[in-house]
Amino acid sequence: MDEQIKNIEKISLIEKIVTNLSTKVRHLQRQVRENNCVIHGVAETESLNKNLTKVVAEILSQPGFSHSGKDFDYVTRLGKIGKSGSRLILAKFHRKEKKSSVMKNWGILKQKGITIYVDQTPEERKIRGALIKYREGLKLKLKNPAFSYKIRDGKLFISKEGKVVESWVGKDDGTCVKKKLSRTPVIR
């Protein structure tokens, strides 16, 4: 009996260690991607791929941006060629401030068919995908233009007249759980 209690205590300790290490790994994965952004919609040609840093610097030299090729640690294409005929571009900035200024002004490029997103871990992408799916279902269900929907940091915020009325949290398994609002969060 004494042996079983010791084994249970060991298992409990090992579970705590695994949980702690898992949290640290998620934090490190997020930290590694902190200065990265992913760019969609840039045509792929052999000449453009040779000097991708210069191409991205030109894209980000539009009015509202102030970036040069010296702002990047590296720029590379990711994965396979998609439906649009081009691959994603991963740009890693030297400093977080430079990436932040790009993320604030990315709407300028949307008119040219170029979109920019933060680099997310696979887990974050899965959670965001679940929230997007849930948001689309809510839009169809509610059919009310007075509601607005924003996804931020793994949460879906539903607002009416600028005030958050409901909040949902995405889970690792692809589900969403309603979150109790303790105070009205400010969404920018």
Protein backbone atom coordinates (compact mmCIF):
# COMPACT_ATOMS: atom_id res chain seq x y z
CA MET A 1 0.00 0.00 0.00
CA ASP A 2 2.84 2.36 0.91
CA GLU A 3 4.46 1.61 -2.46
CA GLN A 4 1.28 2.57 -4.34
CA ILE A 5 1.05 5.92 -2.54
CA LYS A 6 4.69 6.70 -3.46
CA ASN A 7 3.99 5.80 -7.11
CA ILE A 8 0.91 8.05 -7.15
CA GLU A 9 2.96 10.92 -5.71
CA LYS A 10 5.68 10.34 -8.34
CA ILE A 11 3.10 10.33 -11.14
CA SER A 12 1.57 13.54 -9.79
CA LEU A 13 5.00 15.19 -9.66
CA ILE A 14 5.82 14.04 -13.22
CA GLU A 15 2.46 15.42 -14.48
CA LYS A 16 3.25 18.81 -12.90
CA ILE A 17 6.69 18.83 -14.51
CA VAL A 18 5.24 17.95 -17.94
CA THR A 19 2.61 20.70 -17.62
CA ASN A 20 5.29 23.21 -16.62
CA LEU A 21 7.58 22.22 -19.50
CA SER A 22 4.67 22.32 -21.96
CA THR A 23 3.89 25.89 -20.88
CA LYS A 24 7.54 26.88 -21.31
CA VAL A 25 7.68 25.34 -24.80
CA ARG A 26 4.56 27.27 -25.87
CA HIS A 27 6.07 30.48 -24.51
CA LEU A 28 9.35 29.86 -26.37
CA GLN A 29 7.52 29.07 -29.62
CA ARG A 30 5.66 32.36 -29.32
CA GLN A 31 8.84 34.26 -28.42
CA VAL A 32 10.72 32.90 -31.46
CA ARG A 33 7.94 34.22 -33.73
CA GLU A 34 7.63 37.58 -31.96
CA ASN A 35 9.47 39.58 -34.66
CA ASN A 36 8.04 37.66 -37.63
CA CYS A 37 5.24 38.43 -40.03
CA VAL A 38 3.83 36.37 -42.87
CA ILE A 39 3.04 38.07 -46.17
CA HIS A 40 0.41 36.71 -48.61
CA GLY A 41 -0.21 37.71 -52.21
CA VAL A 42 3.25 38.52 -53.57
CA ALA A 43 3.69 37.06 -57.05
CA GLU A 44 6.28 34.34 -57.40
CA THR A 45 8.79 34.57 -60.22
CA GLU A 46 12.35 33.34 -60.39
CA SER A 47 13.75 36.87 -60.54
CA LEU A 48 11.69 37.97 -57.52
CA ASN A 49 12.75 34.94 -55.47
CA LYS A 50 16.47 35.69 -55.99
CA ASN A 51 16.35 38.91 -54.01
CA LEU A 52 13.29 38.49 -51.84
CA THR A 53 14.55 40.87 -49.15
CA LYS A 54 14.67 43.68 -51.71
CA VAL A 55 11.16 42.82 -52.95
CA VAL A 56 9.73 42.90 -49.42
CA ALA A 57 11.58 46.15 -48.66
CA GLU A 58 10.02 47.68 -51.81
CA ILE A 59 6.56 46.51 -50.77
CA LEU A 60 7.06 48.02 -47.32
CA SER A 61 8.39 51.31 -48.70
CA GLN A 62 4.84 52.38 -49.60
CA PRO A 63 3.47 55.58 -48.02
CA GLY A 64 2.77 54.83 -44.36
CA PHE A 65 5.74 52.48 -44.08
CA SER A 66 9.38 53.31 -43.55
CA HIS A 67 11.38 50.13 -44.02
CA SER A 68 14.49 49.10 -45.87
CA GLY A 69 16.23 45.80 -46.55
CA LYS A 70 18.36 46.49 -43.46
CA ASP A 71 15.35 45.99 -41.17
CA PHE A 72 15.24 42.22 -41.70
CA ASP A 73 17.21 39.34 -40.22
CA TYR A 74 15.99 37.22 -43.13
CA VAL A 75 13.17 36.86 -45.65
CA THR A 76 12.17 33.53 -47.18
CA ARG A 77 9.34 31.73 -48.99
CA LEU A 78 7.42 29.08 -47.06
CA GLY A 79 5.88 25.77 -48.10
CA LYS A 80 4.36 24.73 -51.39
CA ILE A 81 2.84 26.92 -54.06
CA GLY A 82 -0.82 27.42 -53.13
CA LYS A 83 -4.04 28.01 -55.06
CA SER A 84 -3.04 31.62 -55.71
CA GLY A 85 0.13 30.51 -57.49
CA SER A 86 2.50 31.89 -54.88
CA ARG A 87 3.96 30.84 -51.58
CA LEU A 88 3.84 32.76 -48.33
CA ILE A 89 6.77 34.99 -47.39
CA LEU A 90 8.17 34.93 -43.86
CA ALA A 91 9.93 38.15 -42.86
CA LYS A 92 11.88 38.28 -39.60
CA PHE A 93 12.55 41.82 -38.40
CA HIS A 94 15.55 42.88 -36.30
CA ARG A 95 13.30 44.68 -33.84
CA LYS A 96 9.75 44.18 -32.65
CA GLU A 97 8.97 47.90 -33.14
CA LYS A 98 9.54 47.60 -36.91
CA LYS A 99 7.20 44.63 -37.13
CA SER A 100 4.61 46.47 -35.03
CA SER A 101 4.64 49.45 -37.39
CA VAL A 102 4.04 47.09 -40.34
CA MET A 103 1.14 45.41 -38.54
CA LYS A 104 -0.46 48.79 -37.76
CA ASN A 105 -0.34 49.89 -41.42
CA TRP A 106 -0.94 46.61 -43.27
CA GLY A 107 -4.37 47.80 -44.48
CA ILE A 108 -2.58 50.07 -46.99
CA LEU A 109 -1.34 46.96 -48.81
CA LYS A 110 -4.70 45.20 -48.75
CA GLN A 111 -5.80 47.34 -51.70
CA LYS A 112 -2.99 45.75 -53.74
CA GLY A 113 -4.05 42.22 -52.82
CA ILE A 114 -1.27 41.80 -50.27
CA THR A 115 -2.10 40.78 -46.71
CA ILE A 116 0.19 40.58 -43.71
CA TYR A 117 -0.37 38.48 -40.61
CA VAL A 118 1.56 37.77 -37.45
CA ASP A 119 3.49 34.49 -37.51
CA GLN A 120 1.53 32.02 -35.38
CA THR A 121 2.39 28.68 -33.86
CA PRO A 122 0.47 25.66 -35.21
CA GLU A 123 -1.52 25.64 -31.97
CA GLU A 124 -2.46 29.32 -32.38
CA ARG A 125 -3.50 28.72 -35.99
CA LYS A 126 -5.73 25.85 -34.91
CA ILE A 127 -7.37 27.98 -32.21
CA ARG A 128 -7.83 30.91 -34.61
CA GLY A 129 -9.35 28.55 -37.20
CA ALA A 130 -11.86 27.29 -34.63
CA LEU A 131 -12.76 30.86 -33.66
CA ILE A 132 -13.21 31.92 -37.31
CA LYS A 133 -15.47 28.93 -37.92
CA TYR A 134 -17.48 29.74 -34.81
CA ARG A 135 -17.67 33.45 -35.77
CA GLU A 136 -19.05 32.60 -39.22
CA GLY A 137 -21.68 30.35 -37.63
CA LEU A 138 -22.71 33.16 -35.27
CA LYS A 139 -22.96 35.65 -38.13
CA LEU A 140 -25.35 33.32 -39.96
CA LYS A 141 -27.33 32.60 -36.80
CA LEU A 142 -27.66 36.20 -35.54
CA LYS A 143 -27.94 37.97 -38.92
CA ASN A 144 -27.67 41.30 -37.13
CA PRO A 145 -25.45 44.02 -38.64
CA ALA A 146 -25.34 45.79 -35.26
CA PHE A 147 -22.92 43.14 -33.98
CA SER A 148 -19.20 43.27 -34.76
CA TYR A 149 -16.76 40.41 -34.29
CA LYS A 150 -13.03 40.60 -33.51
CA ILE A 151 -10.53 37.84 -32.89
CA ARG A 152 -7.58 38.75 -30.67
CA ASP A 153 -5.13 36.58 -28.71
CA GLY A 154 -7.14 33.36 -28.97
CA LYS A 155 -10.44 35.03 -28.06
CA LEU A 156 -13.53 36.04 -30.05
CA PHE A 157 -15.15 39.28 -28.92
CA ILE A 158 -18.71 40.10 -29.95
CA SER A 159 -19.58 43.77 -29.65
CA LYS A 160 -22.72 45.83 -30.07
CA GLU A 161 -22.45 49.60 -30.35
CA GLY A 162 -18.78 49.43 -29.35
CA LYS A 163 -19.39 47.49 -26.12
CA VAL A 164 -18.34 43.84 -25.75
CA VAL A 165 -21.43 41.77 -25.00
CA GLU A 166 -19.93 38.28 -25.28
CA SER A 167 -16.51 36.64 -25.32
CA TRP A 168 -15.39 33.17 -26.45
CA VAL A 169 -12.05 31.41 -25.94
CA GLY A 170 -10.62 28.98 -28.48
CA LYS A 171 -9.26 25.67 -27.17
CA ASP A 172 -6.43 23.44 -28.42
CA ASP A 173 -8.91 20.78 -29.51
CA GLY A 174 -10.63 23.17 -31.95
CA THR A 175 -13.64 23.96 -29.75
CA CYS A 176 -14.79 27.29 -28.30
CA VAL A 177 -15.93 28.02 -24.75
CA LYS A 178 -17.95 31.03 -23.65
CA LYS A 179 -15.96 33.22 -21.29
CA LYS A 180 -17.59 35.08 -18.42
CA LEU A 181 -17.01 38.82 -18.72
CA SER A 182 -15.70 40.24 -15.45
CA ARG A 183 -15.34 43.70 -16.95
CA THR A 184 -15.79 45.17 -20.38
CA PRO A 185 -12.53 44.65 -22.32
CA VAL A 186 -11.27 47.39 -24.58
CA ILE A 187 -10.65 46.21 -28.14
CA ARG A 188 -8.54 48.25 -30.54
